[in-house]
Amino acid sequence: MRPLNSWSLAGLVILASVIVTAVTEMRIAGMGSVALSAGVAYAGFFANVACSGLGFSTPERGWWIANVAIGIATMTFLGAPTIPSALWTAGRVLLARALA
């Protein structure tokens, strides 16, 4: 089996982020439940932690350590399981405040 590299792991993190964001936006639009959204968010968080753990064996170890640390912080303070999800949430909130 071929070892995972940082590009493929980053792709998995981005895929998890897209899925989490899509489910969250559907819930906000009234097409989903809070339980489903929370379940997907926790699954995305654990996928992010798993990808970071696998990334510890790559040359970009420092980036993966930072990813898991920032992911824990964003999940704790924003409810966003990954960095891209946190950026989407922050952008959405800032845009809503700018237009209000």
PDB file of N, CA and C in Angstrom:
ATOM      1  N   MET A   1       0.833  -1.170   0.000  1.00  0.00           N
ATOM      2  CA  MET A   1       0.000   0.000   0.000  1.00  0.00           C
ATOM      3  C   MET A   1       0.886   1.245   0.000  1.00  0.00           C
ATOM      4  N   ARG A   2       0.534   2.187  -0.806  1.00  0.00           N
ATOM      5  CA  ARG A   2       1.288   3.432  -0.927  1.00  0.00           C
ATOM      6  C   ARG A   2       1.014   4.330   0.282  1.00  0.00           C
ATOM      7  N   PRO A   3       2.047   4.908   0.896  1.00  0.00           N
ATOM      8  CA  PRO A   3       1.809   5.792   2.044  1.00  0.00           C
ATOM      9  C   PRO A   3       1.111   7.081   1.601  1.00  0.00           C
ATOM     10  N   LEU A   4       0.306   7.615   2.490  1.00  0.00           N
ATOM     11  CA  LEU A   4      -0.398   8.857   2.195  1.00  0.00           C
ATOM     12  C   LEU A   4       0.579  10.027   2.250  1.00  0.00           C
ATOM     13  N   ASN A   5       0.374  10.985   1.364  1.00  0.00           N
ATOM     14  CA  ASN A   5       1.194  12.189   1.413  1.00  0.00           C
ATOM     15  C   ASN A   5       0.318  13.356   1.860  1.00  0.00           C
ATOM     16  N   SER A   6       0.940  14.496   2.077  1.00  0.00           N
ATOM     17  CA  SER A   6       0.206  15.645   2.600  1.00  0.00           C
ATOM     18  C   SER A   6      -0.852  16.145   1.632  1.00  0.00           C
ATOM     19  N   TRP A   7      -0.615  16.016   0.329  1.00  0.00           N
ATOM     20  CA  TRP A   7      -1.602  16.478  -0.648  1.00  0.00           C
ATOM     21  C   TRP A   7      -2.888  15.681  -0.549  1.00  0.00           C
ATOM     22  N   SER A   8      -2.774  14.368  -0.449  1.00  0.00           N
ATOM     23  CA  SER A   8      -3.982  13.550  -0.357  1.00  0.00           C
ATOM     24  C   SER A   8      -4.684  13.758   0.983  1.00  0.00           C
ATOM     25  N   LEU A   9      -3.925  13.932   2.050  1.00  0.00           N
ATOM     26  CA  LEU A   9      -4.531  14.197   3.350  1.00  0.00           C
ATOM     27  C   LEU A   9      -5.240  15.556   3.360  1.00  0.00           C
ATOM     28  N   ALA A  10      -4.613  16.549   2.752  1.00  0.00           N
ATOM     29  CA  ALA A  10      -5.244  17.872   2.668  1.00  0.00           C
ATOM     30  C   ALA A  10      -6.521  17.791   1.838  1.00  0.00           C
ATOM     31  N   GLY A  11      -6.506  16.994   0.791  1.00  0.00           N
ATOM     32  CA  GLY A  11      -7.704  16.799  -0.011  1.00  0.00           C
ATOM     33  C   GLY A  11      -8.833  16.177   0.798  1.00  0.00           C
ATOM     34  N   LEU A  12      -8.502  15.226   1.666  1.00  0.00           N
ATOM     35  CA  LEU A  12      -9.520  14.619   2.524  1.00  0.00           C
ATOM     36  C   LEU A  12     -10.083  15.633   3.523  1.00  0.00           C
ATOM     37  N   VAL A  13      -9.216  16.489   4.062  1.00  0.00           N
ATOM     38  CA  VAL A  13      -9.679  17.528   4.993  1.00  0.00           C
ATOM     39  C   VAL A  13     -10.608  18.502   4.259  1.00  0.00           C
ATOM     40  N   ILE A  14     -10.241  18.880   3.049  1.00  0.00           N
ATOM     41  CA  ILE A  14     -11.091  19.795   2.271  1.00  0.00           C
ATOM     42  C   ILE A  14     -12.422  19.128   1.926  1.00  0.00           C
ATOM     43  N   LEU A  15     -12.390  17.849   1.569  1.00  0.00           N
ATOM     44  CA  LEU A  15     -13.629  17.122   1.282  1.00  0.00           C
ATOM     45  C   LEU A  15     -14.527  17.092   2.518  1.00  0.00           C
ATOM     46  N   ALA A  16     -13.961  16.797   3.676  1.00  0.00           N
ATOM     47  CA  ALA A  16     -14.740  16.805   4.921  1.00  0.00           C
ATOM     48  C   ALA A  16     -15.329  18.189   5.177  1.00  0.00           C
ATOM     49  N   SER A  17     -14.549  19.232   4.898  1.00  0.00           N
ATOM     50  CA  SER A  17     -15.016  20.606   5.097  1.00  0.00           C
ATOM     51  C   SER A  17     -16.187  20.934   4.185  1.00  0.00           C
ATOM     52  N   VAL A  18     -16.103  20.510   2.950  1.00  0.00           N
ATOM     53  CA  VAL A  18     -17.184  20.771   1.985  1.00  0.00           C
ATOM     54  C   VAL A  18     -18.463  20.053   2.416  1.00  0.00           C
ATOM     55  N   ILE A  19     -18.340  18.819   2.851  1.00  0.00           N
ATOM     56  CA  ILE A  19     -19.511  18.059   3.291  1.00  0.00           C
ATOM     57  C   ILE A  19     -20.140  18.709   4.519  1.00  0.00           C
ATOM     58  N   VAL A  20     -19.302  19.076   5.502  1.00  0.00           N
ATOM     59  CA  VAL A  20     -19.815  19.727   6.711  1.00  0.00           C
ATOM     60  C   VAL A  20     -20.509  21.036   6.361  1.00  0.00           C
ATOM     61  N   THR A  21     -19.895  21.830   5.502  1.00  0.00           N
ATOM     62  CA  THR A  21     -20.475  23.121   5.128  1.00  0.00           C
ATOM     63  C   THR A  21     -21.783  22.934   4.381  1.00  0.00           C
ATOM     64  N   ALA A  22     -21.844  21.967   3.478  1.00  0.00           N
ATOM     65  CA  ALA A  22     -23.079  21.724   2.724  1.00  0.00           C
ATOM     66  C   ALA A  22     -24.217  21.307   3.656  1.00  0.00           C
ATOM     67  N   VAL A  23     -23.944  20.411   4.579  1.00  0.00           N
ATOM     68  CA  VAL A  23     -24.984  19.956   5.509  1.00  0.00           C
ATOM     69  C   VAL A  23     -25.417  21.099   6.423  1.00  0.00           C
ATOM     70  N   THR A  24     -24.477  21.904   6.872  1.00  0.00           N
ATOM     71  CA  THR A  24     -24.810  23.043   7.735  1.00  0.00           C
ATOM     72  C   THR A  24     -25.663  24.062   6.994  1.00  0.00           C
ATOM     73  N   GLU A  25     -25.295  24.370   5.756  1.00  0.00           N
ATOM     74  CA  GLU A  25     -26.069  25.330   4.972  1.00  0.00           C
ATOM     75  C   GLU A  25     -27.473  24.796   4.674  1.00  0.00           C
ATOM     76  N   MET A  26     -27.590  23.490   4.458  1.00  0.00           N
ATOM     77  CA  MET A  26     -28.910  22.902   4.245  1.00  0.00           C
ATOM     78  C   MET A  26     -29.757  23.012   5.507  1.00  0.00           C
ATOM     79  N   ARG A  27     -29.128  22.804   6.667  1.00  0.00           N
ATOM     80  CA  ARG A  27     -29.860  22.941   7.926  1.00  0.00           C
ATOM     81  C   ARG A  27     -30.325  24.371   8.121  1.00  0.00           C
ATOM     82  N   ILE A  28     -29.458  25.334   7.827  1.00  0.00           N
ATOM     83  CA  ILE A  28     -29.826  26.747   7.966  1.00  0.00           C
ATOM     84  C   ILE A  28     -30.984  27.089   7.032  1.00  0.00           C
ATOM     85  N   ALA A  29     -31.015  26.470   5.857  1.00  0.00           N
ATOM     86  CA  ALA A  29     -32.093  26.705   4.891  1.00  0.00           C
ATOM     87  C   ALA A  29     -33.363  25.939   5.235  1.00  0.00           C
ATOM     88  N   GLY A  30     -33.333  25.147   6.324  1.00  0.00           N
ATOM     89  CA  GLY A  30     -34.520  24.421   6.754  1.00  0.00           C
ATOM     90  C   GLY A  30     -34.686  23.049   6.148  1.00  0.00           C
ATOM     91  N   MET A  31     -33.624  22.513   5.545  1.00  0.00           N
ATOM     92  CA  MET A  31     -33.731  21.202   4.895  1.00  0.00           C
ATOM     93  C   MET A  31     -32.958  20.113   5.619  1.00  0.00           C
ATOM     94  N   GLY A  32     -32.774  20.256   6.909  1.00  0.00           N
ATOM     95  CA  GLY A  32     -32.048  19.240   7.662  1.00  0.00           C
ATOM     96  C   GLY A  32     -32.268  19.432   9.138  1.00  0.00           C
ATOM     97  N   SER A  33     -31.844  18.444   9.901  1.00  0.00           N
ATOM     98  CA  SER A  33     -32.035  18.525  11.343  1.00  0.00           C
ATOM     99  C   SER A  33     -30.742  18.942  12.041  1.00  0.00           C
ATOM    100  N   VAL A  34     -30.912  19.415  13.257  1.00  0.00           N
ATOM    101  CA  VAL A  34     -29.760  19.797  14.065  1.00  0.00           C
ATOM    102  C   VAL A  34     -28.924  18.560  14.392  1.00  0.00           C
ATOM    103  N   ALA A  35     -29.582  17.443  14.654  1.00  0.00           N
ATOM    104  CA  ALA A  35     -28.867  16.212  14.985  1.00  0.00           C
ATOM    105  C   ALA A  35     -27.981  15.751  13.828  1.00  0.00           C
ATOM    106  N   LEU A  36     -28.506  15.816  12.608  1.00  0.00           N
ATOM    107  CA  LEU A  36     -27.712  15.441  11.443  1.00  0.00           C
ATOM    108  C   LEU A  36     -26.515  16.374  11.284  1.00  0.00           C
ATOM    109  N   SER A  37     -26.755  17.660  11.424  1.00  0.00           N
ATOM    110  CA  SER A  37     -25.684  18.649  11.291  1.00  0.00           C
ATOM    111  C   SER A  37     -24.600  18.433  12.350  1.00  0.00           C
ATOM    112  N   ALA A  38     -25.016  18.177  13.582  1.00  0.00           N
ATOM    113  CA  ALA A  38     -24.045  17.939  14.653  1.00  0.00           C
ATOM    114  C   ALA A  38     -23.263  16.647  14.408  1.00  0.00           C
ATOM    115  N   GLY A  39     -23.961  15.613  13.971  1.00  0.00           N
ATOM    116  CA  GLY A  39     -23.280  14.341  13.685  1.00  0.00           C
ATOM    117  C   GLY A  39     -22.246  14.471  12.585  1.00  0.00           C
ATOM    118  N   VAL A  40     -22.595  15.188  11.535  1.00  0.00           N
ATOM    119  CA  VAL A  40     -21.661  15.397  10.429  1.00  0.00           C
ATOM    120  C   VAL A  40     -20.491  16.267  10.882  1.00  0.00           C
ATOM    121  N   ALA A  41     -20.760  17.261  11.716  1.00  0.00           N
ATOM    122  CA  ALA A  41     -19.681  18.121  12.217  1.00  0.00           C
ATOM    123  C   ALA A  41     -18.691  17.318  13.049  1.00  0.00           C
ATOM    124  N   TYR A  42     -19.193  16.443  13.939  1.00  0.00           N
ATOM    125  CA  TYR A  42     -18.279  15.624  14.733  1.00  0.00           C
ATOM    126  C   TYR A  42     -17.524  14.622  13.866  1.00  0.00           C
ATOM    127  N   ALA A  43     -18.188  14.060  12.869  1.00  0.00           N
ATOM    128  CA  ALA A  43     -17.495  13.148  11.948  1.00  0.00           C
ATOM    129  C   ALA A  43     -16.396  13.889  11.190  1.00  0.00           C
ATOM    130  N   GLY A  44     -16.679  15.129  10.759  1.00  0.00           N
ATOM    131  CA  GLY A  44     -15.666  15.942  10.087  1.00  0.00           C
ATOM    132  C   GLY A  44     -14.507  16.270  11.004  1.00  0.00           C
ATOM    133  N   PHE A  45     -14.814  16.538  12.266  1.00  0.00           N
ATOM    134  CA  PHE A  45     -13.762  16.820  13.244  1.00  0.00           C
ATOM    135  C   PHE A  45     -12.857  15.611  13.435  1.00  0.00           C
ATOM    136  N   PHE A  46     -13.460  14.435  13.618  1.00  0.00           N
ATOM    137  CA  PHE A  46     -12.645  13.237  13.810  1.00  0.00           C
ATOM    138  C   PHE A  46     -11.873  12.875  12.546  1.00  0.00           C
ATOM    139  N   ALA A  47     -12.430  13.141  11.375  1.00  0.00           N
ATOM    140  CA  ALA A  47     -11.694  12.931  10.125  1.00  0.00           C
ATOM    141  C   ALA A  47     -10.494  13.882  10.056  1.00  0.00           C
ATOM    142  N   ASN A  48     -10.692  15.127  10.489  1.00  0.00           N
ATOM    143  CA  ASN A  48      -9.599  16.096  10.510  1.00  0.00           C
ATOM    144  C   ASN A  48      -8.492  15.647  11.469  1.00  0.00           C
ATOM    145  N   VAL A  49      -8.874  15.177  12.647  1.00  0.00           N
ATOM    146  CA  VAL A  49      -7.888  14.700  13.618  1.00  0.00           C
ATOM    147  C   VAL A  49      -7.157  13.474  13.077  1.00  0.00           C
ATOM    148  N   ALA A  50      -7.889  12.577  12.422  1.00  0.00           N
ATOM    149  CA  ALA A  50      -7.255  11.377  11.856  1.00  0.00           C
ATOM    150  C   ALA A  50      -6.277  11.749  10.746  1.00  0.00           C
ATOM    151  N   CYS A  51      -6.668  12.665   9.869  1.00  0.00           N
ATOM    152  CA  CYS A  51      -5.765  13.102   8.798  1.00  0.00           C
ATOM    153  C   CYS A  51      -4.527  13.775   9.392  1.00  0.00           C
ATOM    154  N   SER A  52      -4.720  14.555  10.432  1.00  0.00           N
ATOM    155  CA  SER A  52      -3.579  15.200  11.077  1.00  0.00           C
ATOM    156  C   SER A  52      -2.655  14.158  11.692  1.00  0.00           C
ATOM    157  N   GLY A  53      -3.235  13.146  12.317  1.00  0.00           N
ATOM    158  CA  GLY A  53      -2.423  12.073  12.894  1.00  0.00           C
ATOM    159  C   GLY A  53      -1.624  11.341  11.832  1.00  0.00           C
ATOM    160  N   LEU A  54      -2.238  11.071  10.695  1.00  0.00           N
ATOM    161  CA  LEU A  54      -1.506  10.430   9.601  1.00  0.00           C
ATOM    162  C   LEU A  54      -0.453  11.371   9.016  1.00  0.00           C
ATOM    163  N   GLY A  55      -0.720  12.669   9.082  1.00  0.00           N
ATOM    164  CA  GLY A  55       0.233  13.648   8.566  1.00  0.00           C
ATOM    165  C   GLY A  55       1.474  13.806   9.416  1.00  0.00           C
ATOM    166  N   PHE A  56       1.436  13.288  10.653  1.00  0.00           N
ATOM    167  CA  PHE A  56       2.619  13.389  11.516  1.00  0.00           C
ATOM    168  C   PHE A  56       3.809  12.625  10.948  1.00  0.00           C
ATOM    169  N   SER A  57       3.554  11.664  10.066  1.00  0.00           N
ATOM    170  CA  SER A  57       4.655  10.884   9.488  1.00  0.00           C
ATOM    171  C   SER A  57       5.182  11.487   8.190  1.00  0.00           C
ATOM    172  N   THR A  58       4.656  12.635   7.797  1.00  0.00           N
ATOM    173  CA  THR A  58       5.109  13.295   6.574  1.00  0.00           C
ATOM    174  C   THR A  58       6.137  14.374   6.904  1.00  0.00           C
ATOM    175  N   PRO A  59       6.852  14.874   5.911  1.00  0.00           N
ATOM    176  CA  PRO A  59       7.801  15.958   6.172  1.00  0.00           C
ATOM    177  C   PRO A  59       7.130  17.249   6.645  1.00  0.00           C
ATOM    178  N   GLU A  60       5.839  17.403   6.398  1.00  0.00           N
ATOM    179  CA  GLU A  60       5.106  18.598   6.810  1.00  0.00           C
ATOM    180  C   GLU A  60       4.490  18.429   8.195  1.00  0.00           C
ATOM    181  N   ARG A  61       5.164  17.720   9.067  1.00  0.00           N
ATOM    182  CA  ARG A  61       4.683  17.395  10.410  1.00  0.00           C
ATOM    183  C   ARG A  61       4.203  18.630  11.176  1.00  0.00           C
ATOM    184  N   GLY A  62       4.957  19.714  11.095  1.00  0.00           N
ATOM    185  CA  GLY A  62       4.601  20.936  11.810  1.00  0.00           C
ATOM    186  C   GLY A  62       3.264  21.503  11.369  1.00  0.00           C
ATOM    187  N   TRP A  63       2.990  21.441  10.074  1.00  0.00           N
ATOM    188  CA  TRP A  63       1.708  21.924   9.561  1.00  0.00           C
ATOM    189  C   TRP A  63       0.564  21.077  10.082  1.00  0.00           C
ATOM    190  N   TRP A  64       0.762  19.779  10.174  1.00  0.00           N
ATOM    191  CA  TRP A  64      -0.300  18.897  10.653  1.00  0.00           C
ATOM    192  C   TRP A  64      -0.521  19.062  12.151  1.00  0.00           C
ATOM    193  N   ILE A  65       0.532  19.317  12.893  1.00  0.00           N
ATOM    194  CA  ILE A  65       0.375  19.609  14.325  1.00  0.00           C
ATOM    195  C   ILE A  65      -0.435  20.898  14.494  1.00  0.00           C
ATOM    196  N   ALA A  66      -0.103  21.915  13.698  1.00  0.00           N
ATOM    197  CA  ALA A  66      -0.853  23.173  13.753  1.00  0.00           C
ATOM    198  C   ALA A  66      -2.295  22.953  13.319  1.00  0.00           C
ATOM    199  N   ASN A  67      -2.524  22.113  12.316  1.00  0.00           N
ATOM    200  CA  ASN A  67      -3.885  21.843  11.844  1.00  0.00           C
ATOM    201  C   ASN A  67      -4.732  21.231  12.945  1.00  0.00           C
ATOM    202  N   VAL A  68      -4.202  20.253  13.651  1.00  0.00           N
ATOM    203  CA  VAL A  68      -5.001  19.621  14.701  1.00  0.00           C
ATOM    204  C   VAL A  68      -5.209  20.585  15.864  1.00  0.00           C
ATOM    205  N   ALA A  69      -4.223  21.396  16.207  1.00  0.00           N
ATOM    206  CA  ALA A  69      -4.374  22.362  17.300  1.00  0.00           C
ATOM    207  C   ALA A  69      -5.417  23.422  16.938  1.00  0.00           C
ATOM    208  N   ILE A  70      -5.341  23.953  15.732  1.00  0.00           N
ATOM    209  CA  ILE A  70      -6.309  24.965  15.292  1.00  0.00           C
ATOM    210  C   ILE A  70      -7.695  24.327  15.126  1.00  0.00           C
ATOM    211  N   GLY A  71      -7.742  23.084  14.660  1.00  0.00           N
ATOM    212  CA  GLY A  71      -9.018  22.388  14.526  1.00  0.00           C
ATOM    213  C   GLY A  71      -9.713  22.201  15.870  1.00  0.00           C
ATOM    214  N   ILE A  72      -8.951  21.882  16.894  1.00  0.00           N
ATOM    215  CA  ILE A  72      -9.530  21.756  18.235  1.00  0.00           C
ATOM    216  C   ILE A  72     -10.046  23.113  18.709  1.00  0.00           C
ATOM    217  N   ALA A  73      -9.268  24.166  18.458  1.00  0.00           N
ATOM    218  CA  ALA A  73      -9.689  25.509  18.873  1.00  0.00           C
ATOM    219  C   ALA A  73     -10.940  25.957  18.116  1.00  0.00           C
ATOM    220  N   THR A  74     -10.986  25.730  16.801  1.00  0.00           N
ATOM    221  CA  THR A  74     -12.160  26.168  16.041  1.00  0.00           C
ATOM    222  C   THR A  74     -13.389  25.343  16.403  1.00  0.00           C
ATOM    223  N   MET A  75     -13.218  24.066  16.699  1.00  0.00           N
ATOM    224  CA  MET A  75     -14.366  23.249  17.113  1.00  0.00           C
ATOM    225  C   MET A  75     -14.871  23.710  18.475  1.00  0.00           C
ATOM    226  N   THR A  76     -13.948  24.066  19.353  1.00  0.00           N
ATOM    227  CA  THR A  76     -14.326  24.502  20.695  1.00  0.00           C
ATOM    228  C   THR A  76     -15.024  25.861  20.682  1.00  0.00           C
ATOM    229  N   PHE A  77     -14.463  26.820  19.952  1.00  0.00           N
ATOM    230  CA  PHE A  77     -14.967  28.183  20.019  1.00  0.00           C
ATOM    231  C   PHE A  77     -15.985  28.541  18.939  1.00  0.00           C
ATOM    232  N   LEU A  78     -15.913  27.909  17.775  1.00  0.00           N
ATOM    233  CA  LEU A  78     -16.822  28.245  16.679  1.00  0.00           C
ATOM    234  C   LEU A  78     -17.778  27.123  16.308  1.00  0.00           C
ATOM    235  N   GLY A  79     -17.452  25.906  16.694  1.00  0.00           N
ATOM    236  CA  GLY A  79     -18.246  24.766  16.256  1.00  0.00           C
ATOM    237  C   GLY A  79     -17.914  24.331  14.847  1.00  0.00           C
ATOM    238  N   ALA A  80     -16.792  24.822  14.326  1.00  0.00           N
ATOM    239  CA  ALA A  80     -16.341  24.458  12.978  1.00  0.00           C
ATOM    240  C   ALA A  80     -15.232  23.411  13.113  1.00  0.00           C
ATOM    241  N   PRO A  81     -15.404  22.231  12.525  1.00  0.00           N
ATOM    242  CA  PRO A  81     -14.462  21.138  12.764  1.00  0.00           C
ATOM    243  C   PRO A  81     -13.131  21.222  12.019  1.00  0.00           C
ATOM    244  N   THR A  82     -13.066  22.032  10.976  1.00  0.00           N
ATOM    245  CA  THR A  82     -11.826  22.139  10.203  1.00  0.00           C
ATOM    246  C   THR A  82     -11.520  23.611   9.946  1.00  0.00           C
ATOM    247  N   ILE A  83     -10.304  23.883   9.539  1.00  0.00           N
ATOM    248  CA  ILE A  83      -9.911  25.262   9.252  1.00  0.00           C
ATOM    249  C   ILE A  83     -10.732  25.838   8.082  1.00  0.00           C
ATOM    250  N   PRO A  84     -10.903  25.114   6.962  1.00  0.00           N
ATOM    251  CA  PRO A  84     -11.735  25.679   5.898  1.00  0.00           C
ATOM    252  C   PRO A  84     -13.177  25.946   6.337  1.00  0.00           C
ATOM    253  N   SER A  85     -13.736  25.089   7.175  1.00  0.00           N
ATOM    254  CA  SER A  85     -15.085  25.323   7.688  1.00  0.00           C
ATOM    255  C   SER A  85     -15.123  26.571   8.565  1.00  0.00           C
ATOM    256  N   ALA A  86     -14.097  26.765   9.365  1.00  0.00           N
ATOM    257  CA  ALA A  86     -14.022  27.954  10.216  1.00  0.00           C
ATOM    258  C   ALA A  86     -13.904  29.217   9.374  1.00  0.00           C
ATOM    259  N   LEU A  87     -13.121  29.152   8.309  1.00  0.00           N
ATOM    260  CA  LEU A  87     -12.994  30.315   7.431  1.00  0.00           C
ATOM    261  C   LEU A  87     -14.320  30.624   6.743  1.00  0.00           C
ATOM    262  N   TRP A  88     -15.040  29.589   6.314  1.00  0.00           N
ATOM    263  CA  TRP A  88     -16.352  29.786   5.698  1.00  0.00           C
ATOM    264  C   TRP A  88     -17.311  30.441   6.702  1.00  0.00           C
ATOM    265  N   THR A  89     -17.335  29.921   7.923  1.00  0.00           N
ATOM    266  CA  THR A  89     -18.224  30.462   8.951  1.00  0.00           C
ATOM    267  C   THR A  89     -17.871  31.903   9.270  1.00  0.00           C
ATOM    268  N   ALA A  90     -16.595  32.178   9.445  1.00  0.00           N
ATOM    269  CA  ALA A  90     -16.169  33.540   9.748  1.00  0.00           C
ATOM    270  C   ALA A  90     -16.518  34.500   8.598  1.00  0.00           C
ATOM    271  N   GLY A  91     -16.289  34.072   7.381  1.00  0.00           N
ATOM    272  CA  GLY A  91     -16.629  34.890   6.226  1.00  0.00           C
ATOM    273  C   GLY A  91     -18.120  35.142   6.121  1.00  0.00           C
ATOM    274  N   ARG A  92     -18.899  34.118   6.383  1.00  0.00           N
ATOM    275  CA  ARG A  92     -20.360  34.241   6.335  1.00  0.00           C
ATOM    276  C   ARG A  92     -20.864  35.222   7.380  1.00  0.00           C
ATOM    277  N   VAL A  93     -20.324  35.126   8.598  1.00  0.00           N
ATOM    278  CA  VAL A  93     -20.735  36.024   9.679  1.00  0.00           C
ATOM    279  C   VAL A  93     -20.304  37.465   9.382  1.00  0.00           C
ATOM    280  N   LEU A  94     -19.066  37.613   8.935  1.00  0.00           N
ATOM    281  CA  LEU A  94     -18.589  38.967   8.636  1.00  0.00           C
ATOM    282  C   LEU A  94     -19.375  39.599   7.490  1.00  0.00           C
ATOM    283  N   LEU A  95     -19.704  38.821   6.474  1.00  0.00           N
ATOM    284  CA  LEU A  95     -20.500  39.345   5.362  1.00  0.00           C
ATOM    285  C   LEU A  95     -21.909  39.727   5.835  1.00  0.00           C
ATOM    286  N   ALA A  96     -22.509  38.890   6.671  1.00  0.00           N
ATOM    287  CA  ALA A  96     -23.846  39.187   7.190  1.00  0.00           C
ATOM    288  C   ALA A  96     -23.834  40.469   8.029  1.00  0.00           C
ATOM    289  N   ARG A  97     -22.773  40.655   8.807  1.00  0.00           N
ATOM    290  CA  ARG A  97     -22.679  41.879   9.616  1.00  0.00           C
ATOM    291  C   ARG A  97     -22.412  43.092   8.756  1.00  0.00           C
ATOM    292  N   ALA A  98     -21.654  42.924   7.697  1.00  0.00           N
ATOM    293  CA  ALA A  98     -21.362  44.067   6.811  1.00  0.00           C
ATOM    294  C   ALA A  98     -22.611  44.507   6.053  1.00  0.00           C
ATOM    295  N   LEU A  99     -23.484  43.542   5.711  1.00  0.00           N
ATOM    296  CA  LEU A  99     -24.689  43.861   4.965  1.00  0.00           C
ATOM    297  C   LEU A  99     -25.852  44.284   5.849  1.00  0.00           C
ATOM    298  N   ALA A 100     -25.715  44.100   7.153  1.00  0.00           N
ATOM    299  CA  ALA A 100     -26.817  44.440   8.073  1.00  0.00           C
ATOM    300  C   ALA A 100     -26.820  45.912   8.435  1.00  0.00           C
TER     301      ALA A 100
END
